[in-house]
Amino acid sequence: MHHTGPPLGLSRDLIIRGLADKLQHRARGGPSRALQRRLRILAADFEKGALSFDRGGVLKTGATLMRQWRGHTHTVLVGEDGFEYDGQRYRSLTVIAERITGAHWSGPRFFGMSKRARAH
C-alpha cells in the first residue's frame, strides 16, 4: 500500500493498524470534516504543550485512558458498566486514581478529563 518495504521501527501491531486505516479510507472515504477539524485542534493543542485534552465528558465503551504516574504507565479500559484496570473491574475512575496514587484524587481530573486539569 505504501509502494515500499515495511516501515522500520514499527511493531507488527502498529503496522496492521495502519494498513487497516488505509483500507477503511479506500472503502469508506476519509474521516468526516468534523473529525478532521477535531484532529487538527488536538494536534495544535499537543504542539502547544497541552498535557490533556477535553474529551467532552463522555467516554465511549472500548476507549482507553492512559496516565503516567511515578515512572509507570497506567491503562484503564472503559466498559459499558464501569472501568477495567489491572485485571479488575471498577465502577469509578476515582477509586482507580486512589489505588494508583494512594491518596484521594478526582478520577476524571487524574486522567486529564477536567478543564481544571487542562489549565495546569
Protein backbone atom coordinates (compact mmCIF):
# COMPACT_ATOMS: atom_id res chain seq x y z
CA MET A 1 0.00 0.00 0.00
CA HIS A 2 2.96 2.31 0.55
CA HIS A 3 4.89 1.09 -2.51
CA THR A 4 7.91 0.49 -0.28
CA GLY A 5 9.06 -2.07 2.25
CA PRO A 6 7.59 -2.20 5.75
CA PRO A 7 8.29 0.89 7.86
CA LEU A 8 11.31 0.49 10.10
CA GLY A 9 10.94 0.59 13.86
CA LEU A 10 7.19 -0.05 13.99
CA SER A 11 5.68 -3.02 15.76
CA ARG A 12 3.66 -5.57 13.83
CA ASP A 13 0.51 -4.42 15.64
CA LEU A 14 1.05 -0.79 14.65
CA ILE A 15 1.70 -1.75 11.01
CA ILE A 16 -1.55 -3.79 10.96
CA ARG A 17 -3.49 -0.85 12.43
CA GLY A 18 -2.03 1.48 9.81
CA LEU A 19 -2.98 -0.87 6.99
CA ALA A 20 -6.49 -1.29 8.39
CA ASP A 21 -6.85 2.50 8.48
CA LYS A 22 -5.73 2.78 4.82
CA LEU A 23 -8.22 0.08 3.79
CA GLN A 24 -11.04 1.87 5.62
CA HIS A 25 -10.13 5.11 3.86
CA ARG A 26 -10.31 3.37 0.50
CA ALA A 27 -13.62 1.64 1.28
CA ARG A 28 -15.47 4.48 3.02
CA GLY A 29 -13.54 7.59 2.18
CA GLY A 30 -11.57 9.59 4.70
CA PRO A 31 -12.71 10.87 8.07
CA SER A 32 -15.60 13.32 8.23
CA ARG A 33 -14.90 17.04 8.13
CA ALA A 34 -15.86 17.28 11.80
CA LEU A 35 -13.33 14.59 12.75
CA GLN A 36 -10.63 16.19 10.59
CA ARG A 37 -11.26 19.52 12.34
CA ARG A 38 -11.15 17.91 15.79
CA LEU A 39 -7.87 16.16 14.95
CA ARG A 40 -6.34 19.46 13.77
CA ILE A 41 -7.39 21.12 17.05
CA LEU A 42 -5.93 18.26 19.12
CA ALA A 43 -2.68 18.36 17.13
CA ALA A 44 -2.39 22.12 17.64
CA ASP A 45 -3.04 21.72 21.39
CA PHE A 46 -0.40 19.00 21.55
CA GLU A 47 2.15 21.18 19.76
CA LYS A 48 1.43 23.96 22.29
CA GLY A 49 2.29 21.54 25.09
CA ALA A 50 -1.19 20.65 26.34
CA LEU A 51 -0.93 17.87 28.92
CA SER A 52 -4.52 16.70 28.49
CA PHE A 53 -7.44 17.18 26.16
CA ASP A 54 -11.10 17.93 26.78
CA ARG A 55 -12.93 14.79 25.73
CA GLY A 56 -16.30 16.44 26.16
CA GLY A 57 -17.07 14.48 29.33
CA VAL A 58 -18.41 11.40 27.51
CA LEU A 59 -16.38 8.23 27.39
CA LYS A 60 -17.27 5.61 24.83
CA THR A 61 -17.18 1.90 25.59
CA GLY A 62 -13.86 0.48 24.45
CA ALA A 63 -11.94 3.74 24.95
CA THR A 64 -8.59 3.53 26.69
CA LEU A 65 -7.33 6.03 29.26
CA MET A 66 -3.62 6.23 29.97
CA ARG A 67 -1.72 8.10 32.65
CA GLN A 68 1.96 8.21 33.57
CA TRP A 69 2.47 8.19 37.32
CA ARG A 70 5.87 7.97 39.00
CA GLY A 71 7.54 6.27 36.07
CA HIS A 72 4.78 3.78 35.32
CA THR A 73 2.09 3.87 32.63
CA HIS A 74 -1.37 3.02 33.91
CA THR A 75 -4.04 1.96 31.40
CA VAL A 76 -7.79 1.87 32.02
CA LEU A 77 -10.32 0.37 29.61
CA VAL A 78 -13.79 1.96 29.54
CA GLY A 79 -16.55 -0.65 29.72
CA GLU A 80 -20.32 -0.47 29.38
CA ASP A 81 -20.84 -0.53 33.14
CA GLY A 82 -17.54 0.70 34.54
CA PHE A 83 -13.81 0.52 34.06
CA GLU A 84 -11.16 -2.19 33.95
CA TYR A 85 -7.75 -1.61 35.49
CA ASP A 86 -5.04 -4.14 36.26
CA GLY A 87 -7.37 -7.08 35.60
CA GLN A 88 -10.13 -5.84 37.92
CA ARG A 89 -13.43 -4.02 37.29
CA TYR A 90 -14.27 -0.73 38.97
CA ARG A 91 -17.38 1.45 38.91
CA SER A 92 -15.43 4.68 39.35
CA LEU A 93 -12.31 6.32 37.94
CA THR A 94 -11.79 7.95 41.34
CA VAL A 95 -11.30 4.56 43.00
CA ILE A 96 -8.70 3.69 40.35
CA ALA A 97 -6.89 7.02 40.81
CA GLU A 98 -6.81 6.45 44.58
CA ARG A 99 -5.44 2.93 44.08
CA ILE A 100 -2.67 4.24 41.81
CA THR A 101 -1.66 7.23 43.96
CA GLY A 102 -2.53 6.08 47.47
CA ALA A 103 -4.32 9.41 48.02
CA HIS A 104 -7.75 10.85 47.24
CA TRP A 105 -7.92 12.16 43.68
CA SER A 106 -10.77 13.02 41.37
CA GLY A 107 -10.61 10.20 38.81
CA PRO A 108 -11.57 12.36 35.81
CA ARG A 109 -9.07 15.00 36.88
CA PHE A 110 -6.31 12.43 37.44
CA PHE A 111 -6.83 11.08 33.91
CA GLY A 112 -6.84 14.60 32.42
CA MET A 113 -10.53 14.85 31.62
CA SER A 114 -11.46 18.01 33.52
CA LYS A 115 -10.96 21.61 32.38
CA ARG A 116 -9.12 22.38 35.61
CA ALA A 117 -6.53 19.68 34.85
CA ARG A 118 -6.16 21.06 31.34
CA ALA A 119 -5.28 24.52 32.67
CA HIS A 120 -2.22 23.17 34.55
